[in-house]
Amino acid sequence: MMAVKAKVTKGLHVGSYLKVADNSGAKIVKIVGVIGGRGKTRRKRQVSCGVADLIKVSVRDGNPELKKQVHYAVVIRQKMPYRRLTGEHIAFEDNACVLLKDEKGNPSGTLIKGPIAKEVAERWPFVAKIASIII
């Protein structure tokens, strides 16, 4: 996992619902934890995450075999705008993630619907391989 070349505003909190943008079988997930989310923060502050962060999610809607299970995921889009080092601000129209098989970044689906952020492609190369559009 490499560093992101942008100042990504953390726009999603624990308990937020996300769309799943791949064909793994899940449709809606809920964030239950952020991996490595206690970096520069204050004690007892609610943990948040942004684009290209590794999270733990609980599947809420979708394939019955996946429901009520906890998986790793990567956030690929967020509604809250964030700033790149070039000076441009990026915001997507929905919050979305991609389910992973393990912590190393291997996606469980074979196709991603919609665009993914450039920061995700830099940090997670296996996710970038199955993406159709990188913005």
N, C-alpha and C. Protein backbone atom coordinates (compact mmCIF):
# COMPACT_ATOMS: atom_id res chain seq x y z
N MET A 1 0.86 -1.17 0.00
CA MET A 1 0.00 0.00 0.00
C MET A 1 0.90 1.23 0.00
N MET A 2 0.74 2.09 -0.99
CA MET A 2 1.58 3.26 -1.14
C MET A 2 0.85 4.51 -0.65
N ALA A 3 1.59 5.60 -0.55
CA ALA A 3 1.00 6.87 -0.12
C ALA A 3 0.18 7.47 -1.26
N VAL A 4 -0.86 8.21 -0.89
CA VAL A 4 -1.73 8.85 -1.87
C VAL A 4 -1.18 10.24 -2.16
N LYS A 5 -1.20 10.64 -3.45
CA LYS A 5 -0.67 11.94 -3.84
C LYS A 5 -1.76 12.99 -3.89
N ALA A 6 -2.54 13.07 -2.83
CA ALA A 6 -3.60 14.08 -2.73
C ALA A 6 -3.97 14.24 -1.27
N LYS A 7 -4.57 15.36 -0.94
CA LYS A 7 -5.06 15.57 0.41
C LYS A 7 -6.53 15.17 0.41
N VAL A 8 -6.76 13.89 0.66
CA VAL A 8 -8.11 13.34 0.58
C VAL A 8 -8.85 13.67 1.86
N THR A 9 -9.96 14.39 1.73
CA THR A 9 -10.82 14.69 2.86
C THR A 9 -11.57 13.43 3.24
N LYS A 10 -11.58 13.12 4.51
CA LYS A 10 -12.24 11.91 4.99
C LYS A 10 -13.73 12.16 5.03
N GLY A 11 -14.47 11.63 4.06
CA GLY A 11 -15.88 11.95 3.91
C GLY A 11 -16.84 10.87 4.38
N LEU A 12 -16.33 9.73 4.88
CA LEU A 12 -17.20 8.62 5.28
C LEU A 12 -16.85 8.19 6.69
N HIS A 13 -17.86 7.94 7.51
CA HIS A 13 -17.67 7.55 8.89
C HIS A 13 -18.08 6.10 9.10
N VAL A 14 -17.73 5.57 10.25
CA VAL A 14 -18.18 4.23 10.62
C VAL A 14 -19.70 4.27 10.74
N GLY A 15 -20.38 3.35 10.06
CA GLY A 15 -21.83 3.33 10.03
C GLY A 15 -22.41 3.82 8.72
N SER A 16 -21.58 4.38 7.84
CA SER A 16 -22.06 4.85 6.54
C SER A 16 -22.37 3.68 5.62
N TYR A 17 -23.35 3.86 4.75
CA TYR A 17 -23.72 2.85 3.77
C TYR A 17 -23.10 3.22 2.42
N LEU A 18 -22.58 2.21 1.72
CA LEU A 18 -21.93 2.40 0.42
C LEU A 18 -22.54 1.46 -0.61
N LYS A 19 -22.47 1.87 -1.87
CA LYS A 19 -22.79 0.96 -2.97
C LYS A 19 -21.56 0.11 -3.25
N VAL A 20 -21.80 -1.09 -3.74
CA VAL A 20 -20.69 -1.96 -4.18
C VAL A 20 -20.63 -1.86 -5.69
N ALA A 21 -19.48 -1.47 -6.22
CA ALA A 21 -19.35 -1.16 -7.64
C ALA A 21 -18.80 -2.31 -8.46
N ASP A 22 -18.67 -3.51 -7.87
CA ASP A 22 -18.16 -4.63 -8.65
C ASP A 22 -19.24 -5.71 -8.77
N ASN A 23 -18.89 -6.81 -9.45
CA ASN A 23 -19.85 -7.88 -9.67
C ASN A 23 -19.64 -9.05 -8.72
N SER A 24 -19.33 -8.77 -7.46
CA SER A 24 -19.10 -9.82 -6.46
C SER A 24 -20.39 -10.40 -5.92
N GLY A 25 -21.52 -9.72 -6.09
CA GLY A 25 -22.80 -10.21 -5.60
C GLY A 25 -23.42 -9.35 -4.53
N ALA A 26 -22.62 -8.53 -3.86
CA ALA A 26 -23.14 -7.61 -2.84
C ALA A 26 -23.62 -6.33 -3.52
N LYS A 27 -24.62 -5.67 -2.92
CA LYS A 27 -25.13 -4.42 -3.48
C LYS A 27 -24.92 -3.24 -2.55
N ILE A 28 -25.27 -3.41 -1.26
CA ILE A 28 -25.12 -2.35 -0.27
C ILE A 28 -24.31 -2.90 0.90
N VAL A 29 -23.34 -2.11 1.38
CA VAL A 29 -22.54 -2.51 2.54
C VAL A 29 -22.52 -1.37 3.56
N LYS A 30 -22.21 -1.73 4.80
CA LYS A 30 -22.10 -0.75 5.88
C LYS A 30 -20.68 -0.80 6.43
N ILE A 31 -20.08 0.36 6.64
CA ILE A 31 -18.72 0.42 7.18
C ILE A 31 -18.75 0.06 8.66
N VAL A 32 -17.94 -0.94 9.06
CA VAL A 32 -17.86 -1.32 10.47
C VAL A 32 -16.50 -1.02 11.07
N GLY A 33 -15.50 -0.73 10.24
CA GLY A 33 -14.19 -0.41 10.76
C GLY A 33 -13.29 0.15 9.69
N VAL A 34 -12.29 0.92 10.13
CA VAL A 34 -11.30 1.50 9.22
C VAL A 34 -9.95 0.93 9.61
N ILE A 35 -9.26 0.31 8.66
CA ILE A 35 -7.96 -0.29 8.93
C ILE A 35 -6.90 0.82 8.90
N GLY A 36 -6.14 0.94 9.98
CA GLY A 36 -5.13 1.99 10.06
C GLY A 36 -5.73 3.36 10.19
N GLY A 37 -6.89 3.48 10.79
CA GLY A 37 -7.58 4.76 10.85
C GLY A 37 -7.29 5.59 12.08
N ARG A 38 -6.35 5.18 12.90
CA ARG A 38 -6.05 5.92 14.12
C ARG A 38 -4.76 6.74 13.99
N GLY A 39 -4.41 7.15 12.78
CA GLY A 39 -3.16 7.87 12.55
C GLY A 39 -3.07 9.19 13.29
N LYS A 40 -3.39 10.28 12.62
CA LYS A 40 -3.31 11.61 13.22
C LYS A 40 -4.69 12.02 13.68
N THR A 41 -5.06 11.62 14.85
CA THR A 41 -6.38 11.95 15.34
C THR A 41 -6.34 12.09 16.85
N ARG A 42 -7.49 12.29 17.41
CA ARG A 42 -7.62 12.53 18.83
C ARG A 42 -8.27 11.33 19.47
N ARG A 43 -8.02 11.15 20.75
CA ARG A 43 -8.59 10.03 21.48
C ARG A 43 -10.11 10.14 21.52
N LYS A 44 -10.79 9.00 21.31
CA LYS A 44 -12.25 8.87 21.33
C LYS A 44 -12.95 9.59 20.18
N ARG A 45 -12.20 10.05 19.19
CA ARG A 45 -12.83 10.66 18.02
C ARG A 45 -13.32 9.56 17.10
N GLN A 46 -14.45 9.80 16.44
CA GLN A 46 -15.00 8.82 15.52
C GLN A 46 -14.08 8.66 14.32
N VAL A 47 -13.78 7.42 13.97
CA VAL A 47 -12.87 7.14 12.88
C VAL A 47 -13.58 7.38 11.55
N SER A 48 -12.87 7.98 10.60
CA SER A 48 -13.44 8.24 9.29
C SER A 48 -12.49 7.73 8.21
N CYS A 49 -12.99 7.65 6.97
CA CYS A 49 -12.18 7.18 5.86
C CYS A 49 -12.52 7.95 4.60
N GLY A 50 -11.66 7.84 3.61
CA GLY A 50 -11.86 8.53 2.34
C GLY A 50 -11.47 7.64 1.19
N VAL A 51 -11.26 8.24 0.04
CA VAL A 51 -10.91 7.51 -1.17
C VAL A 51 -9.58 6.79 -0.97
N ALA A 52 -9.51 5.53 -1.43
CA ALA A 52 -8.33 4.66 -1.42
C ALA A 52 -8.01 4.11 -0.04
N ASP A 53 -8.90 4.23 0.94
CA ASP A 53 -8.67 3.67 2.26
C ASP A 53 -9.19 2.24 2.34
N LEU A 54 -8.51 1.42 3.13
CA LEU A 54 -8.92 0.05 3.37
C LEU A 54 -9.89 0.03 4.55
N ILE A 55 -11.05 -0.60 4.36
CA ILE A 55 -12.08 -0.62 5.39
C ILE A 55 -12.61 -2.03 5.57
N LYS A 56 -13.30 -2.26 6.68
CA LYS A 56 -14.04 -3.50 6.90
C LYS A 56 -15.51 -3.17 6.76
N VAL A 57 -16.24 -4.00 6.01
CA VAL A 57 -17.65 -3.73 5.74
C VAL A 57 -18.49 -4.96 6.05
N SER A 58 -19.74 -4.71 6.35
CA SER A 58 -20.73 -5.75 6.55
C SER A 58 -21.73 -5.66 5.40
N VAL A 59 -21.98 -6.79 4.72
CA VAL A 59 -22.87 -6.79 3.56
C VAL A 59 -24.31 -6.73 4.06
N ARG A 60 -25.08 -5.75 3.59
CA ARG A 60 -26.46 -5.55 4.01
C ARG A 60 -27.48 -6.01 2.98
N ASP A 61 -27.14 -5.90 1.70
CA ASP A 61 -28.08 -6.27 0.65
C ASP A 61 -27.31 -6.93 -0.48
N GLY A 62 -27.91 -7.95 -1.08
CA GLY A 62 -27.27 -8.61 -2.21
C GLY A 62 -27.46 -10.11 -2.15
N ASN A 63 -26.44 -10.84 -2.57
CA ASN A 63 -26.46 -12.29 -2.61
C ASN A 63 -26.67 -12.87 -1.20
N PRO A 64 -27.59 -13.83 -1.02
CA PRO A 64 -27.85 -14.36 0.33
C PRO A 64 -26.65 -15.03 0.98
N GLU A 65 -25.71 -15.56 0.18
CA GLU A 65 -24.52 -16.18 0.78
C GLU A 65 -23.57 -15.13 1.37
N LEU A 66 -23.60 -13.91 0.84
CA LEU A 66 -22.71 -12.85 1.32
C LEU A 66 -23.31 -12.03 2.45
N LYS A 67 -24.64 -12.05 2.60
CA LYS A 67 -25.29 -11.20 3.60
C LYS A 67 -24.83 -11.56 5.01
N LYS A 68 -24.71 -10.52 5.84
CA LYS A 68 -24.33 -10.63 7.25
C LYS A 68 -22.91 -11.14 7.44
N GLN A 69 -22.07 -11.00 6.43
CA GLN A 69 -20.66 -11.37 6.55
C GLN A 69 -19.80 -10.12 6.51
N VAL A 70 -18.62 -10.21 7.11
CA VAL A 70 -17.69 -9.08 7.15
C VAL A 70 -16.58 -9.32 6.14
N HIS A 71 -16.30 -8.31 5.31
CA HIS A 71 -15.28 -8.40 4.27
C HIS A 71 -14.40 -7.16 4.32
N TYR A 72 -13.22 -7.25 3.70
CA TYR A 72 -12.40 -6.07 3.46
C TYR A 72 -12.89 -5.39 2.19
N ALA A 73 -12.70 -4.08 2.12
CA ALA A 73 -13.10 -3.32 0.93
C ALA A 73 -12.21 -2.09 0.79
N VAL A 74 -12.24 -1.50 -0.40
CA VAL A 74 -11.52 -0.26 -0.70
C VAL A 74 -12.52 0.76 -1.19
N VAL A 75 -12.48 1.98 -0.64
CA VAL A 75 -13.35 3.06 -1.09
C VAL A 75 -12.82 3.57 -2.42
N ILE A 76 -13.68 3.59 -3.46
CA ILE A 76 -13.24 4.05 -4.78
C ILE A 76 -13.86 5.38 -5.18
N ARG A 77 -14.99 5.76 -4.56
CA ARG A 77 -15.64 7.04 -4.85
C ARG A 77 -16.24 7.59 -3.57
N GLN A 78 -16.26 8.93 -3.45
CA GLN A 78 -16.96 9.57 -2.34
C GLN A 78 -17.59 10.88 -2.82
N LYS A 79 -18.72 11.23 -2.20
CA LYS A 79 -19.44 12.45 -2.58
C LYS A 79 -18.73 13.71 -2.12
N MET A 80 -18.09 13.64 -0.96
CA MET A 80 -17.45 14.84 -0.41
C MET A 80 -16.22 15.20 -1.25
N PRO A 81 -16.12 16.47 -1.69
CA PRO A 81 -14.99 16.85 -2.55
C PRO A 81 -13.66 16.80 -1.80
N TYR A 82 -12.61 16.42 -2.53
CA TYR A 82 -11.25 16.45 -1.99
C TYR A 82 -10.35 17.11 -3.01
N ARG A 83 -9.18 17.57 -2.55
CA ARG A 83 -8.29 18.36 -3.39
C ARG A 83 -7.08 17.55 -3.80
N ARG A 84 -6.73 17.64 -5.09
CA ARG A 84 -5.49 17.05 -5.59
C ARG A 84 -4.39 18.09 -5.55
N LEU A 85 -3.14 17.64 -5.69
CA LEU A 85 -2.01 18.56 -5.63
C LEU A 85 -1.96 19.48 -6.84
N THR A 86 -2.66 19.16 -7.91
CA THR A 86 -2.72 20.04 -9.07
C THR A 86 -3.65 21.23 -8.85
N GLY A 87 -4.41 21.21 -7.76
CA GLY A 87 -5.31 22.31 -7.44
C GLY A 87 -6.76 22.04 -7.76
N GLU A 88 -7.05 20.93 -8.44
CA GLU A 88 -8.44 20.64 -8.79
C GLU A 88 -9.14 19.91 -7.66
N HIS A 89 -10.45 20.10 -7.57
CA HIS A 89 -11.28 19.45 -6.57
C HIS A 89 -12.10 18.37 -7.26
N ILE A 90 -12.12 17.18 -6.66
CA ILE A 90 -12.81 16.03 -7.24
C ILE A 90 -13.94 15.62 -6.31
N ALA A 91 -15.13 15.40 -6.89
CA ALA A 91 -16.28 14.87 -6.15
C ALA A 91 -17.06 13.96 -7.09
N PHE A 92 -17.54 12.84 -6.57
CA PHE A 92 -18.33 11.90 -7.35
C PHE A 92 -19.79 12.02 -6.94
N GLU A 93 -20.67 11.38 -7.68
CA GLU A 93 -22.10 11.51 -7.38
C GLU A 93 -22.60 10.45 -6.40
N ASP A 94 -21.75 9.48 -6.03
CA ASP A 94 -22.16 8.49 -5.02
C ASP A 94 -20.94 8.03 -4.23
N ASN A 95 -21.21 7.31 -3.14
CA ASN A 95 -20.18 6.68 -2.35
C ASN A 95 -20.14 5.22 -2.74
N ALA A 96 -18.97 4.71 -3.12
CA ALA A 96 -18.90 3.33 -3.60
C ALA A 96 -17.59 2.69 -3.15
N CYS A 97 -17.62 1.35 -3.11
CA CYS A 97 -16.44 0.59 -2.73
C CYS A 97 -16.35 -0.67 -3.58
N VAL A 98 -15.23 -1.39 -3.43
CA VAL A 98 -14.98 -2.65 -4.11
C VAL A 98 -14.61 -3.66 -3.03
N LEU A 99 -15.27 -4.83 -3.03
CA LEU A 99 -14.96 -5.88 -2.05
C LEU A 99 -13.65 -6.57 -2.41
N LEU A 100 -12.89 -6.95 -1.37
CA LEU A 100 -11.62 -7.64 -1.56
C LEU A 100 -11.68 -9.04 -0.97
N LYS A 101 -10.83 -9.95 -1.50
CA LYS A 101 -10.73 -11.30 -0.95
C LYS A 101 -9.90 -11.30 0.33
N ASP A 102 -8.84 -10.49 0.34
CA ASP A 102 -7.92 -10.45 1.47
C ASP A 102 -7.40 -9.04 1.67
N GLU A 103 -6.52 -8.87 2.64
CA GLU A 103 -5.97 -7.55 2.95
C GLU A 103 -4.97 -7.06 1.91
N LYS A 104 -4.45 -7.95 1.09
CA LYS A 104 -3.41 -7.59 0.13
C LYS A 104 -3.94 -6.77 -1.04
N GLY A 105 -5.25 -6.79 -1.30
CA GLY A 105 -5.82 -5.98 -2.35
C GLY A 105 -6.36 -6.74 -3.53
N ASN A 106 -6.53 -8.05 -3.41
CA ASN A 106 -7.09 -8.85 -4.50
C ASN A 106 -8.61 -8.70 -4.51
N PRO A 107 -9.19 -8.15 -5.57
CA PRO A 107 -10.64 -7.95 -5.60
C PRO A 107 -11.39 -9.26 -5.78
N SER A 108 -12.59 -9.34 -5.19
CA SER A 108 -13.38 -10.56 -5.31
C SER A 108 -14.22 -10.56 -6.59
N GLY A 109 -14.47 -9.40 -7.17
CA GLY A 109 -15.18 -9.32 -8.45
C GLY A 109 -14.21 -9.28 -9.62
N THR A 110 -14.77 -9.32 -10.83
CA THR A 110 -13.93 -9.28 -12.03
C THR A 110 -14.18 -8.04 -12.88
N LEU A 111 -15.09 -7.17 -12.46
CA LEU A 111 -15.46 -6.00 -13.25
C LEU A 111 -15.92 -4.91 -12.31
N ILE A 112 -15.50 -3.66 -12.56
CA ILE A 112 -15.95 -2.52 -11.76
C ILE A 112 -16.84 -1.65 -12.62
N LYS A 113 -18.04 -1.36 -12.12
CA LYS A 113 -18.99 -0.51 -12.83
C LYS A 113 -18.74 0.94 -12.44
N GLY A 114 -18.56 1.80 -13.41
CA GLY A 114 -18.35 3.21 -13.14
C GLY A 114 -16.88 3.55 -12.95
N PRO A 115 -16.61 4.84 -12.76
CA PRO A 115 -15.21 5.29 -12.64
C PRO A 115 -14.64 5.03 -11.25
N ILE A 116 -13.30 5.00 -11.18
CA ILE A 116 -12.61 4.98 -9.90
C ILE A 116 -11.65 6.16 -9.87
N ALA A 117 -11.28 6.58 -8.68
CA ALA A 117 -10.37 7.71 -8.53
C ALA A 117 -8.93 7.30 -8.87
N LYS A 118 -8.14 8.26 -9.33
CA LYS A 118 -6.74 8.01 -9.69
C LYS A 118 -5.93 7.59 -8.47
N GLU A 119 -6.32 8.10 -7.29
CA GLU A 119 -5.62 7.75 -6.06
C GLU A 119 -5.77 6.26 -5.72
N VAL A 120 -6.91 5.69 -6.07
CA VAL A 120 -7.13 4.26 -5.85
C VAL A 120 -6.23 3.45 -6.77
N ALA A 121 -6.11 3.87 -8.02
CA ALA A 121 -5.27 3.16 -8.98
C ALA A 121 -3.80 3.19 -8.59
N GLU A 122 -3.35 4.29 -7.97
CA GLU A 122 -1.96 4.39 -7.53
C GLU A 122 -1.69 3.46 -6.35
N ARG A 123 -2.62 3.40 -5.42
CA ARG A 123 -2.40 2.64 -4.18
C ARG A 123 -2.74 1.15 -4.33
N TRP A 124 -3.75 0.81 -5.13
CA TRP A 124 -4.23 -0.57 -5.26
C TRP A 124 -4.14 -1.00 -6.73
N PRO A 125 -3.01 -1.53 -7.19
CA PRO A 125 -2.85 -1.88 -8.62
C PRO A 125 -3.76 -3.02 -9.08
N PHE A 126 -4.11 -3.97 -8.20
CA PHE A 126 -4.99 -5.06 -8.60
C PHE A 126 -6.41 -4.56 -8.86
N VAL A 127 -6.83 -3.56 -8.12
CA VAL A 127 -8.15 -2.96 -8.35
C VAL A 127 -8.13 -2.16 -9.65
N ALA A 128 -7.03 -1.51 -9.94
CA ALA A 128 -6.91 -0.71 -11.17
C ALA A 128 -6.96 -1.58 -12.43
N LYS A 129 -6.53 -2.85 -12.32
CA LYS A 129 -6.53 -3.73 -13.48
C LYS A 129 -7.94 -4.04 -13.97
N ILE A 130 -8.91 -4.14 -13.05
CA ILE A 130 -10.27 -4.49 -13.45
C ILE A 130 -11.17 -3.27 -13.64
N ALA A 131 -10.61 -2.06 -13.48
CA ALA A 131 -11.40 -0.84 -13.64
C ALA A 131 -11.57 -0.50 -15.11
N SER A 132 -12.75 0.04 -15.44
CA SER A 132 -13.00 0.46 -16.81
C SER A 132 -12.60 1.92 -17.05
N ILE A 133 -12.84 2.79 -16.05
CA ILE A 133 -12.55 4.22 -16.18
C ILE A 133 -11.77 4.66 -14.94
N ILE A 134 -10.67 5.38 -15.15
CA ILE A 134 -9.91 5.97 -14.03
C ILE A 134 -9.92 7.47 -14.22
N ILE A 135 -10.43 8.18 -13.18
CA ILE A 135 -10.51 9.65 -13.25
C ILE A 135 -9.54 10.25 -12.26
